[in-house]
């Protein structure tokens, strides 16, 4: 089976060939938030999903994601833009997940997807996004201070673990991923400290 790839070099329009046909889906990014449609073999339908998601992204790109009002704005924009395109979150199979690359990590951390058709799941997803953004911000702020950096990076890993467990991911499945991340970050800290010593 071939790996998923873009359709006609259109960003966010993905094709995934399978033995029973080719499946397509649409996805867009708003910062570390990712919006993802359901997969379908009807390319015309998925292109409609893609147009709607691109319109959502365009409206949200200028938004202040740090504002306390962003969550309400996000819900409003998604609902209004989808309705403009004759769609809703359930029809699109719309989900969101968080994708970020922590300091010194070679891999991107992604959460499980949260359904936008389920108000409780949507709220859980936005809360997960806020917690991870806050933890990542603290790690970034502490990167110049070795005394604070290790604690901030550890806190980011713990927040990710909590978010994933809350979403139903078994803690045992996360252990290897988090151990790899911790090793990469410790190695990154060691390299940064070595560079600092060379400059002294």
N, C-alpha and C. Protein backbone atom coordinates (compact mmCIF):
# COMPACT_ATOMS: atom_id res chain seq x y z
N UNK A 1 0.83 -1.19 0.00
CA UNK A 1 0.00 0.00 0.00
C UNK A 1 0.87 1.25 0.00
N UNK A 2 0.55 2.18 -0.90
CA UNK A 2 1.32 3.41 -0.98
C UNK A 2 1.05 4.30 0.22
N UNK A 3 1.99 5.17 0.51
CA UNK A 3 1.83 6.09 1.63
C UNK A 3 0.94 7.24 1.20
N UNK A 4 0.21 7.86 2.17
CA UNK A 4 -0.62 9.01 1.84
C UNK A 4 0.20 10.14 1.24
N UNK A 5 -0.39 10.85 0.27
CA UNK A 5 0.28 11.98 -0.34
C UNK A 5 -0.73 13.01 -0.78
N UNK A 6 -0.26 14.20 -1.13
CA UNK A 6 -1.16 15.27 -1.52
C UNK A 6 -1.76 14.99 -2.90
N UNK A 7 -2.94 15.54 -3.12
CA UNK A 7 -3.63 15.40 -4.39
C UNK A 7 -3.29 16.59 -5.27
N UNK A 8 -2.63 16.34 -6.40
CA UNK A 8 -2.31 17.42 -7.31
C UNK A 8 -1.50 18.53 -6.69
N UNK A 9 -0.68 18.18 -5.72
CA UNK A 9 0.17 19.15 -5.02
C UNK A 9 -0.65 20.24 -4.32
N UNK A 10 -1.88 19.90 -3.95
CA UNK A 10 -2.74 20.84 -3.20
C UNK A 10 -2.50 20.61 -1.71
N UNK A 11 -1.94 21.58 -1.00
CA UNK A 11 -1.69 21.40 0.43
C UNK A 11 -2.98 21.12 1.20
N UNK A 12 -2.94 20.08 2.01
CA UNK A 12 -4.09 19.78 2.85
C UNK A 12 -5.12 18.87 2.22
N UNK A 13 -4.93 18.49 0.96
CA UNK A 13 -5.83 17.54 0.31
C UNK A 13 -5.03 16.25 0.12
N UNK A 14 -5.40 15.22 0.88
CA UNK A 14 -4.56 14.03 1.00
C UNK A 14 -5.23 12.81 0.38
N UNK A 15 -4.43 12.01 -0.33
CA UNK A 15 -4.90 10.75 -0.91
C UNK A 15 -4.18 9.59 -0.24
N UNK A 16 -4.92 8.54 0.05
CA UNK A 16 -4.36 7.35 0.68
C UNK A 16 -4.83 6.11 -0.08
N UNK A 17 -4.05 5.64 -1.06
CA UNK A 17 -4.46 4.46 -1.84
C UNK A 17 -4.54 3.21 -0.97
N UNK A 18 -5.64 2.48 -1.10
CA UNK A 18 -5.84 1.23 -0.38
C UNK A 18 -6.23 0.14 -1.37
N UNK A 19 -6.23 -1.10 -0.92
CA UNK A 19 -6.56 -2.21 -1.81
C UNK A 19 -7.99 -2.12 -2.33
N UNK A 20 -8.88 -1.48 -1.56
CA UNK A 20 -10.29 -1.37 -1.98
C UNK A 20 -10.61 0.01 -2.58
N UNK A 21 -9.58 0.76 -2.96
CA UNK A 21 -9.81 2.07 -3.55
C UNK A 21 -8.99 3.14 -2.87
N UNK A 22 -9.05 4.34 -3.42
CA UNK A 22 -8.29 5.46 -2.85
C UNK A 22 -9.19 6.30 -1.96
N UNK A 23 -8.72 6.55 -0.76
CA UNK A 23 -9.46 7.39 0.18
C UNK A 23 -8.81 8.77 0.26
N UNK A 24 -9.64 9.78 0.42
CA UNK A 24 -9.17 11.16 0.48
C UNK A 24 -9.66 11.80 1.76
N UNK A 25 -8.88 12.76 2.25
CA UNK A 25 -9.36 13.59 3.36
C UNK A 25 -8.71 14.97 3.25
N UNK A 26 -9.27 15.90 4.00
CA UNK A 26 -8.78 17.27 4.00
C UNK A 26 -8.27 17.62 5.38
N UNK A 27 -7.22 18.44 5.44
CA UNK A 27 -6.70 18.89 6.72
C UNK A 27 -6.04 20.26 6.55
N UNK A 28 -6.15 21.07 7.59
CA UNK A 28 -5.51 22.39 7.60
C UNK A 28 -4.91 22.63 8.98
N UNK A 29 -3.99 23.56 9.05
CA UNK A 29 -3.32 23.90 10.31
C UNK A 29 -3.60 25.34 10.69
N UNK A 30 -3.88 25.54 11.98
CA UNK A 30 -3.97 26.88 12.56
C UNK A 30 -3.04 26.87 13.76
N UNK A 31 -1.79 27.30 13.55
CA UNK A 31 -0.80 27.17 14.61
C UNK A 31 -0.56 25.69 14.89
N UNK A 32 -0.65 25.30 16.15
CA UNK A 32 -0.47 23.90 16.52
C UNK A 32 -1.77 23.11 16.47
N UNK A 33 -2.88 23.78 16.14
CA UNK A 33 -4.15 23.09 15.97
C UNK A 33 -4.25 22.54 14.56
N UNK A 34 -4.72 21.31 14.43
CA UNK A 34 -4.96 20.71 13.13
C UNK A 34 -6.44 20.35 13.02
N UNK A 35 -7.05 20.71 11.88
CA UNK A 35 -8.43 20.33 11.60
C UNK A 35 -8.42 19.27 10.51
N UNK A 36 -9.18 18.21 10.72
CA UNK A 36 -9.10 17.02 9.89
C UNK A 36 -10.50 16.53 9.55
N UNK A 37 -10.76 16.29 8.25
CA UNK A 37 -12.06 15.75 7.85
C UNK A 37 -12.04 14.22 7.91
N UNK A 38 -13.19 13.63 7.75
CA UNK A 38 -13.25 12.17 7.60
C UNK A 38 -12.71 11.79 6.23
N UNK A 39 -12.33 10.54 6.08
CA UNK A 39 -11.85 10.03 4.80
C UNK A 39 -13.02 9.52 3.98
N UNK A 40 -12.94 9.72 2.67
CA UNK A 40 -14.00 9.27 1.77
C UNK A 40 -13.40 8.99 0.40
N UNK A 41 -14.01 8.08 -0.34
CA UNK A 41 -13.52 7.76 -1.68
C UNK A 41 -14.03 8.75 -2.74
N UNK A 42 -14.94 9.62 -2.35
CA UNK A 42 -15.50 10.62 -3.26
C UNK A 42 -14.63 11.87 -3.23
N UNK A 43 -13.76 12.03 -4.21
CA UNK A 43 -12.84 13.17 -4.24
C UNK A 43 -13.58 14.49 -4.35
N UNK A 44 -14.67 14.54 -5.11
CA UNK A 44 -15.44 15.78 -5.25
C UNK A 44 -15.97 16.23 -3.88
N UNK A 45 -16.46 15.27 -3.10
CA UNK A 45 -16.97 15.59 -1.77
C UNK A 45 -15.85 16.10 -0.86
N UNK A 46 -14.71 15.42 -0.89
CA UNK A 46 -13.60 15.82 -0.02
C UNK A 46 -13.03 17.16 -0.45
N UNK A 47 -13.09 17.48 -1.73
CA UNK A 47 -12.67 18.81 -2.18
C UNK A 47 -13.57 19.89 -1.59
N UNK A 48 -14.85 19.58 -1.42
CA UNK A 48 -15.78 20.52 -0.77
C UNK A 48 -15.40 20.69 0.70
N UNK A 49 -15.05 19.57 1.36
CA UNK A 49 -14.56 19.66 2.74
C UNK A 49 -13.32 20.56 2.79
N UNK A 50 -12.42 20.35 1.85
CA UNK A 50 -11.16 21.09 1.84
C UNK A 50 -11.40 22.59 1.66
N UNK A 51 -12.29 22.97 0.76
CA UNK A 51 -12.59 24.39 0.55
C UNK A 51 -13.13 25.02 1.83
N UNK A 52 -13.98 24.28 2.53
CA UNK A 52 -14.55 24.80 3.77
C UNK A 52 -13.48 24.95 4.85
N UNK A 53 -12.60 23.96 4.97
CA UNK A 53 -11.55 24.03 6.00
C UNK A 53 -10.55 25.13 5.70
N UNK A 54 -10.23 25.32 4.44
CA UNK A 54 -9.33 26.42 4.08
C UNK A 54 -9.95 27.76 4.45
N UNK A 55 -11.26 27.88 4.24
CA UNK A 55 -11.96 29.12 4.60
C UNK A 55 -11.94 29.34 6.11
N UNK A 56 -12.10 28.25 6.86
CA UNK A 56 -12.01 28.34 8.33
C UNK A 56 -10.62 28.82 8.74
N UNK A 57 -9.60 28.22 8.15
CA UNK A 57 -8.23 28.61 8.48
C UNK A 57 -7.98 30.09 8.16
N UNK A 58 -8.45 30.54 7.02
CA UNK A 58 -8.23 31.93 6.63
C UNK A 58 -8.83 32.90 7.64
N UNK A 59 -9.99 32.56 8.18
CA UNK A 59 -10.64 33.43 9.15
C UNK A 59 -9.94 33.40 10.51
N UNK A 60 -9.29 32.30 10.81
CA UNK A 60 -8.67 32.15 12.13
C UNK A 60 -7.20 32.57 12.16
N UNK A 61 -6.57 32.72 11.00
CA UNK A 61 -5.15 33.02 10.97
C UNK A 61 -4.80 34.33 11.68
N UNK A 62 -5.67 35.31 11.61
CA UNK A 62 -5.38 36.58 12.25
C UNK A 62 -5.86 36.66 13.69
N UNK A 63 -6.44 35.58 14.19
CA UNK A 63 -7.01 35.60 15.54
C UNK A 63 -5.91 35.52 16.60
N UNK A 64 -6.18 36.11 17.76
CA UNK A 64 -5.26 36.05 18.89
C UNK A 64 -5.52 34.77 19.66
N UNK A 65 -4.71 33.74 19.40
CA UNK A 65 -4.95 32.45 20.03
C UNK A 65 -4.69 32.47 21.53
N UNK A 66 -3.98 33.49 22.01
CA UNK A 66 -3.72 33.58 23.45
C UNK A 66 -4.89 34.21 24.20
N UNK A 67 -5.85 34.76 23.47
CA UNK A 67 -6.99 35.42 24.10
C UNK A 67 -7.93 34.39 24.72
N UNK A 68 -8.54 34.79 25.83
CA UNK A 68 -9.51 33.92 26.50
C UNK A 68 -10.76 33.73 25.64
N UNK A 69 -10.96 34.63 24.68
CA UNK A 69 -12.13 34.56 23.81
C UNK A 69 -11.91 33.68 22.59
N UNK A 70 -10.70 33.17 22.41
CA UNK A 70 -10.41 32.43 21.18
C UNK A 70 -11.26 31.17 21.06
N UNK A 71 -11.47 30.45 22.16
CA UNK A 71 -12.24 29.21 22.09
C UNK A 71 -13.63 29.47 21.52
N UNK A 72 -14.30 30.51 22.03
CA UNK A 72 -15.64 30.85 21.54
C UNK A 72 -15.58 31.30 20.09
N UNK A 73 -14.54 32.06 19.74
CA UNK A 73 -14.37 32.51 18.36
C UNK A 73 -14.15 31.31 17.44
N UNK A 74 -13.35 30.37 17.89
CA UNK A 74 -13.07 29.16 17.10
C UNK A 74 -14.37 28.41 16.80
N UNK A 75 -15.17 28.17 17.84
CA UNK A 75 -16.44 27.46 17.64
C UNK A 75 -17.35 28.20 16.66
N UNK A 76 -17.44 29.52 16.85
CA UNK A 76 -18.32 30.34 16.02
C UNK A 76 -17.89 30.32 14.56
N UNK A 77 -16.59 30.50 14.33
CA UNK A 77 -16.08 30.53 12.95
C UNK A 77 -16.31 29.19 12.27
N UNK A 78 -15.99 28.10 12.95
CA UNK A 78 -16.16 26.77 12.36
C UNK A 78 -17.61 26.54 11.98
N UNK A 79 -18.52 26.81 12.91
CA UNK A 79 -19.94 26.57 12.64
C UNK A 79 -20.45 27.44 11.50
N UNK A 80 -20.10 28.72 11.51
CA UNK A 80 -20.59 29.66 10.50
C UNK A 80 -20.04 29.34 9.12
N UNK A 81 -18.72 29.10 9.03
CA UNK A 81 -18.12 28.85 7.73
C UNK A 81 -18.60 27.53 7.14
N UNK A 82 -18.72 26.50 7.97
CA UNK A 82 -19.23 25.23 7.46
C UNK A 82 -20.65 25.39 6.94
N UNK A 83 -21.48 26.13 7.69
CA UNK A 83 -22.87 26.36 7.26
C UNK A 83 -22.91 27.10 5.93
N UNK A 84 -21.98 28.05 5.75
CA UNK A 84 -21.91 28.80 4.49
C UNK A 84 -21.65 27.86 3.31
N UNK A 85 -20.92 26.79 3.58
CA UNK A 85 -20.60 25.80 2.55
C UNK A 85 -21.61 24.65 2.53
N UNK A 86 -22.71 24.79 3.25
CA UNK A 86 -23.72 23.75 3.28
C UNK A 86 -23.31 22.51 4.03
N UNK A 87 -22.43 22.68 5.02
CA UNK A 87 -21.90 21.55 5.77
C UNK A 87 -22.05 21.78 7.27
N UNK A 88 -21.80 20.73 8.03
CA UNK A 88 -21.67 20.86 9.48
C UNK A 88 -20.59 19.89 9.95
N UNK A 89 -20.22 20.00 11.22
CA UNK A 89 -19.10 19.20 11.73
C UNK A 89 -19.36 17.70 11.61
N UNK A 90 -20.61 17.29 11.81
CA UNK A 90 -20.92 15.85 11.72
C UNK A 90 -20.78 15.35 10.29
N UNK A 91 -21.28 16.11 9.32
CA UNK A 91 -21.21 15.70 7.92
C UNK A 91 -19.77 15.59 7.45
N UNK A 92 -18.92 16.53 7.92
CA UNK A 92 -17.52 16.55 7.53
C UNK A 92 -16.72 15.50 8.30
N UNK A 93 -17.27 15.04 9.43
CA UNK A 93 -16.51 14.16 10.31
C UNK A 93 -15.34 14.92 10.90
N UNK A 94 -15.59 16.21 11.21
CA UNK A 94 -14.51 17.12 11.57
C UNK A 94 -13.95 16.82 12.95
N UNK A 95 -12.62 16.75 13.01
CA UNK A 95 -11.91 16.53 14.27
C UNK A 95 -10.76 17.51 14.36
N UNK A 96 -10.31 17.71 15.58
CA UNK A 96 -9.10 18.51 15.78
C UNK A 96 -8.11 17.71 16.61
N UNK A 97 -6.85 18.00 16.36
CA UNK A 97 -5.80 17.45 17.21
C UNK A 97 -4.70 18.48 17.32
N UNK A 98 -3.81 18.28 18.28
CA UNK A 98 -2.71 19.21 18.52
C UNK A 98 -1.43 18.57 18.01
N UNK A 99 -0.63 19.34 17.30
CA UNK A 99 0.64 18.86 16.76
C UNK A 99 1.72 19.89 17.07
N UNK A 100 2.75 19.47 17.77
CA UNK A 100 3.84 20.39 18.10
C UNK A 100 5.16 19.64 18.19
N UNK A 101 6.24 20.36 17.94
CA UNK A 101 7.57 19.76 18.02
C UNK A 101 8.31 20.41 19.18
N UNK A 102 8.45 19.70 20.30
CA UNK A 102 9.12 20.28 21.47
C UNK A 102 10.59 20.56 21.21
N UNK A 103 11.15 21.40 22.03
CA UNK A 103 12.56 21.74 21.95
C UNK A 103 13.42 20.47 21.99
N UNK A 104 14.39 20.37 21.03
CA UNK A 104 15.34 19.27 20.93
C UNK A 104 14.70 17.92 20.59
N UNK A 105 13.49 17.93 20.14
CA UNK A 105 12.84 16.67 19.75
C UNK A 105 12.96 16.47 18.24
N UNK A 106 13.24 15.23 17.82
CA UNK A 106 13.28 14.93 16.39
C UNK A 106 11.91 14.53 15.87
N UNK A 107 10.97 14.32 16.79
CA UNK A 107 9.64 13.88 16.40
C UNK A 107 8.59 14.90 16.83
N UNK A 108 7.51 14.93 16.06
CA UNK A 108 6.38 15.78 16.40
C UNK A 108 5.48 15.04 17.38
N UNK A 109 5.03 15.74 18.40
CA UNK A 109 4.06 15.18 19.34
C UNK A 109 2.66 15.52 18.86
N UNK A 110 1.81 14.51 18.73
CA UNK A 110 0.43 14.73 18.32
C UNK A 110 -0.52 14.11 19.35
N UNK A 111 -1.61 14.79 19.59
CA UNK A 111 -2.63 14.23 20.47
C UNK A 111 -3.56 13.33 19.66
N UNK A 112 -4.45 12.68 20.35
CA UNK A 112 -5.52 11.96 19.67
C UNK A 112 -6.51 12.98 19.11
N UNK A 113 -7.27 12.62 18.08
CA UNK A 113 -8.24 13.57 17.52
C UNK A 113 -9.49 13.70 18.40
N UNK A 114 -10.06 14.89 18.41
CA UNK A 114 -11.28 15.19 19.17
C UNK A 114 -12.37 15.61 18.19
N UNK A 115 -13.54 15.01 18.31
CA UNK A 115 -14.64 15.30 17.40
C UNK A 115 -15.25 16.68 17.68
N UNK A 116 -15.41 17.48 16.63
CA UNK A 116 -16.04 18.78 16.78
C UNK A 116 -17.56 18.67 16.78
N UNK A 117 -18.09 17.50 16.42
CA UNK A 117 -19.53 17.30 16.46
C UNK A 117 -20.01 17.00 17.87
N UNK A 118 -19.09 16.71 18.77
CA UNK A 118 -19.39 16.41 20.17
C UNK A 118 -18.87 17.58 21.01
N UNK A 119 -19.79 18.33 21.62
CA UNK A 119 -19.39 19.53 22.35
C UNK A 119 -18.41 19.22 23.48
N UNK A 120 -18.62 18.11 24.18
CA UNK A 120 -17.73 17.75 25.28
C UNK A 120 -16.34 17.41 24.75
N UNK A 121 -16.28 16.67 23.62
CA UNK A 121 -14.98 16.32 23.04
C UNK A 121 -14.27 17.56 22.50
N UNK A 122 -15.03 18.46 21.89
CA UNK A 122 -14.44 19.70 21.39
C UNK A 122 -13.83 20.50 22.53
N UNK A 123 -14.57 20.61 23.63
CA UNK A 123 -14.06 21.34 24.79
C UNK A 123 -12.81 20.66 25.34
N UNK A 124 -12.82 19.33 25.38
CA UNK A 124 -11.65 18.59 25.87
C UNK A 124 -10.45 18.84 24.96
N UNK A 125 -10.68 18.87 23.66
CA UNK A 125 -9.60 19.11 22.72
C UNK A 125 -9.00 20.50 22.85
N UNK A 126 -9.86 21.50 23.01
CA UNK A 126 -9.37 22.87 23.16
C UNK A 126 -8.63 23.05 24.49
N UNK A 127 -9.10 22.37 25.54
CA UNK A 127 -8.40 22.43 26.82
C UNK A 127 -7.02 21.77 26.71
N UNK A 128 -6.95 20.64 26.00
CA UNK A 128 -5.67 19.96 25.78
C UNK A 128 -4.71 20.88 25.03
N UNK A 129 -5.22 21.54 24.01
CA UNK A 129 -4.41 22.46 23.21
C UNK A 129 -3.87 23.60 24.08
N UNK A 130 -4.73 24.17 24.92
CA UNK A 130 -4.31 25.27 25.79
C UNK A 130 -3.23 24.82 26.77
N UNK A 131 -3.43 23.66 27.37
CA UNK A 131 -2.46 23.15 28.35
C UNK A 131 -1.11 22.91 27.69
N UNK A 132 -1.13 22.31 26.50
CA UNK A 132 0.12 22.01 25.82
C UNK A 132 0.81 23.28 25.33
N UNK A 133 0.05 24.24 24.84
CA UNK A 133 0.63 25.51 24.40
C UNK A 133 1.27 26.25 25.58
N UNK A 134 0.59 26.21 26.72
CA UNK A 134 1.12 26.88 27.92
C UNK A 134 2.42 26.21 28.37
N UNK A 135 2.43 24.88 28.38
CA UNK A 135 3.63 24.15 28.81
C UNK A 135 4.78 24.36 27.83
N UNK A 136 4.48 24.38 26.54
CA UNK A 136 5.52 24.62 25.54
C UNK A 136 6.07 26.03 25.66
N UNK A 137 5.19 26.99 25.95
CA UNK A 137 5.63 28.37 26.12
C UNK A 137 6.57 28.53 27.31
N UNK A 138 6.25 27.85 28.40
CA UNK A 138 7.12 27.91 29.58
C UNK A 138 8.48 27.28 29.30
N UNK A 139 8.46 26.18 28.53
CA UNK A 139 9.74 25.53 28.18
C UNK A 139 10.58 26.44 27.29
N UNK A 140 9.92 27.15 26.40
CA UNK A 140 10.63 28.07 25.51
C UNK A 140 11.23 29.24 26.30
N UNK A 141 10.45 29.75 27.26
CA UNK A 141 10.92 30.86 28.08
C UNK A 141 12.11 30.45 28.95
N UNK A 142 12.12 29.19 29.37
CA UNK A 142 13.17 28.70 30.27
C UNK A 142 14.41 28.21 29.55
N UNK A 143 14.41 28.25 28.21
CA UNK A 143 15.51 27.62 27.47
C UNK A 143 16.85 28.30 27.71
N UNK A 144 16.84 29.56 28.17
CA UNK A 144 18.09 30.26 28.43
C UNK A 144 18.58 30.08 29.85
N UNK A 145 17.77 29.39 30.65
CA UNK A 145 18.13 29.20 32.06
C UNK A 145 18.20 27.71 32.38
N UNK A 146 19.40 27.14 32.46
CA UNK A 146 19.53 25.70 32.69
C UNK A 146 18.80 25.21 33.93
N UNK A 147 18.75 26.05 34.98
CA UNK A 147 18.12 25.62 36.23
C UNK A 147 16.62 25.41 36.04
N UNK A 148 16.01 26.22 35.19
CA UNK A 148 14.57 26.12 34.98
C UNK A 148 14.21 25.23 33.79
N UNK A 149 15.14 25.06 32.87
CA UNK A 149 14.86 24.38 31.61
C UNK A 149 14.45 22.93 31.81
N UNK A 150 15.20 22.19 32.61
CA UNK A 150 14.92 20.77 32.81
C UNK A 150 13.53 20.57 33.41
N UNK A 151 13.17 21.40 34.39
CA UNK A 151 11.86 21.29 35.02
C UNK A 151 10.74 21.62 34.04
N UNK A 152 10.96 22.64 33.20
CA UNK A 152 9.94 23.04 32.23
C UNK A 152 9.73 21.96 31.17
N UNK A 153 10.81 21.34 30.72
CA UNK A 153 10.70 20.27 29.73
C UNK A 153 10.02 19.05 30.33
N UNK A 154 10.34 18.75 31.60
CA UNK A 154 9.69 17.64 32.28
C UNK A 154 8.19 17.90 32.43
N UNK A 155 7.83 19.15 32.72
CA UNK A 155 6.43 19.51 32.87
C UNK A 155 5.69 19.36 31.54
N UNK A 156 6.33 19.72 30.44
CA UNK A 156 5.70 19.55 29.13
C UNK A 156 5.42 18.08 28.85
N UNK A 157 6.38 17.22 29.16
CA UNK A 157 6.16 15.79 28.94
C UNK A 157 5.02 15.27 29.81
N UNK A 158 4.95 15.76 31.03
CA UNK A 158 3.89 15.31 31.95
C UNK A 158 2.52 15.79 31.48
N UNK A 159 2.44 17.02 31.00
CA UNK A 159 1.17 17.54 30.49
C UNK A 159 0.72 16.70 29.28
N UNK A 160 1.66 16.38 28.40
CA UNK A 160 1.31 15.55 27.24
C UNK A 160 0.80 14.19 27.69
N UNK A 161 1.48 13.60 28.67
CA UNK A 161 1.03 12.30 29.17
C UNK A 161 -0.38 12.39 29.73
N UNK A 162 -0.65 13.41 30.53
CA UNK A 162 -1.98 13.58 31.13
C UNK A 162 -3.06 13.78 30.07
N UNK A 163 -2.75 14.60 29.08
CA UNK A 163 -3.70 14.87 28.00
C UNK A 163 -4.03 13.59 27.24
N UNK A 164 -3.02 12.80 26.95
CA UNK A 164 -3.24 11.58 26.19
C UNK A 164 -4.00 10.53 26.99
N UNK A 165 -3.66 10.39 28.25
CA UNK A 165 -4.37 9.43 29.11
C UNK A 165 -5.83 9.84 29.25
N UNK A 166 -6.07 11.13 29.41
CA UNK A 166 -7.45 11.62 29.50
C UNK A 166 -8.23 11.32 28.22
N UNK A 167 -7.54 11.31 27.09
CA UNK A 167 -8.20 11.04 25.81
C UNK A 167 -8.37 9.54 25.56
N UNK A 168 -7.91 8.72 26.49
CA UNK A 168 -8.11 7.28 26.37
C UNK A 168 -6.92 6.48 25.92
N UNK A 169 -5.74 7.11 25.83
CA UNK A 169 -4.54 6.39 25.43
C UNK A 169 -3.93 5.69 26.65
N UNK A 170 -3.70 4.38 26.60
CA UNK A 170 -3.10 3.68 27.74
C UNK A 170 -1.71 4.24 28.07
N UNK A 171 -1.47 4.44 29.35
CA UNK A 171 -0.20 5.02 29.79
C UNK A 171 1.00 4.19 29.32
N UNK A 172 0.82 2.86 29.24
CA UNK A 172 1.93 2.00 28.82
C UNK A 172 2.35 2.29 27.38
N UNK A 173 1.39 2.64 26.54
CA UNK A 173 1.70 2.95 25.15
C UNK A 173 2.52 4.24 25.03
N UNK A 174 2.38 5.12 26.01
CA UNK A 174 3.08 6.39 25.98
C UNK A 174 4.50 6.30 26.53
N UNK A 175 4.77 5.28 27.31
CA UNK A 175 6.03 5.21 28.04
C UNK A 175 7.24 5.30 27.11
N UNK A 176 7.25 4.50 26.04
CA UNK A 176 8.39 4.50 25.14
C UNK A 176 8.56 5.83 24.42
N UNK A 177 7.44 6.41 23.99
CA UNK A 177 7.49 7.69 23.29
C UNK A 177 8.05 8.78 24.18
N UNK A 178 7.60 8.81 25.41
CA UNK A 178 8.05 9.86 26.33
C UNK A 178 9.49 9.63 26.77
N UNK A 179 9.89 8.37 26.88
CA UNK A 179 11.29 8.08 27.24
C UNK A 179 12.23 8.54 26.12
N UNK A 180 11.84 8.30 24.88
CA UNK A 180 12.65 8.77 23.75
C UNK A 180 12.75 10.28 23.75
N UNK A 181 11.63 10.95 24.00
CA UNK A 181 11.63 12.41 24.04
C UNK A 181 12.52 12.92 25.17
N UNK A 182 12.43 12.28 26.33
CA UNK A 182 13.26 12.72 27.46
C UNK A 182 14.75 12.56 27.13
N UNK A 183 15.13 11.44 26.51
CA UNK A 183 16.53 11.22 26.15
C UNK A 183 17.01 12.27 25.15
N UNK A 184 16.16 12.58 24.15
CA UNK A 184 16.54 13.59 23.16
C UNK A 184 16.72 14.95 23.80
N UNK A 185 15.83 15.28 24.72
CA UNK A 185 15.92 16.59 25.36
C UNK A 185 17.10 16.68 26.31
N UNK A 186 17.42 15.60 26.99
CA UNK A 186 18.61 15.61 27.84
C UNK A 186 19.88 15.76 27.00
N UNK A 187 19.92 15.09 25.85
CA UNK A 187 21.07 15.22 24.96
C UNK A 187 21.17 16.64 24.41
N UNK A 188 20.02 17.24 24.11
CA UNK A 188 20.01 18.61 23.63
C UNK A 188 20.49 19.59 24.68
N UNK A 189 20.08 19.38 25.91
CA UNK A 189 20.55 20.24 27.00
C UNK A 189 22.06 20.11 27.19
N UNK A 190 22.56 18.87 27.08
CA UNK A 190 24.01 18.65 27.23
C UNK A 190 24.78 19.38 26.14
N UNK A 191 24.27 19.35 24.92
CA UNK A 191 24.95 20.06 23.82
C UNK A 191 24.92 21.57 24.04
N UNK A 192 23.78 22.07 24.52
CA UNK A 192 23.67 23.50 24.76
C UNK A 192 24.63 23.95 25.87
N UNK A 193 24.74 23.14 26.92
CA UNK A 193 25.64 23.48 28.01
C UNK A 193 27.10 23.44 27.55
N UNK A 194 27.41 22.46 26.66
CA UNK A 194 28.79 22.37 26.14
C UNK A 194 29.14 23.60 25.31
N UNK A 195 28.17 24.07 24.52
CA UNK A 195 28.42 25.28 23.73
C UNK A 195 28.65 26.49 24.60
N UNK A 196 27.87 26.56 25.68
CA UNK A 196 28.02 27.67 26.61
C UNK A 196 29.41 27.68 27.25
N UNK A 197 29.90 26.48 27.62
CA UNK A 197 31.22 26.38 28.24
C UNK A 197 32.31 26.80 27.26
N UNK A 198 32.11 26.51 25.98
CA UNK A 198 33.10 26.89 24.97
C UNK A 198 33.18 28.41 24.80
N UNK A 199 32.07 29.08 25.09
CA UNK A 199 32.03 30.52 24.93
C UNK A 199 32.56 31.28 26.14
N UNK A 200 32.73 30.56 27.24
CA UNK A 200 33.19 31.22 28.47
C UNK A 200 34.67 31.62 28.38
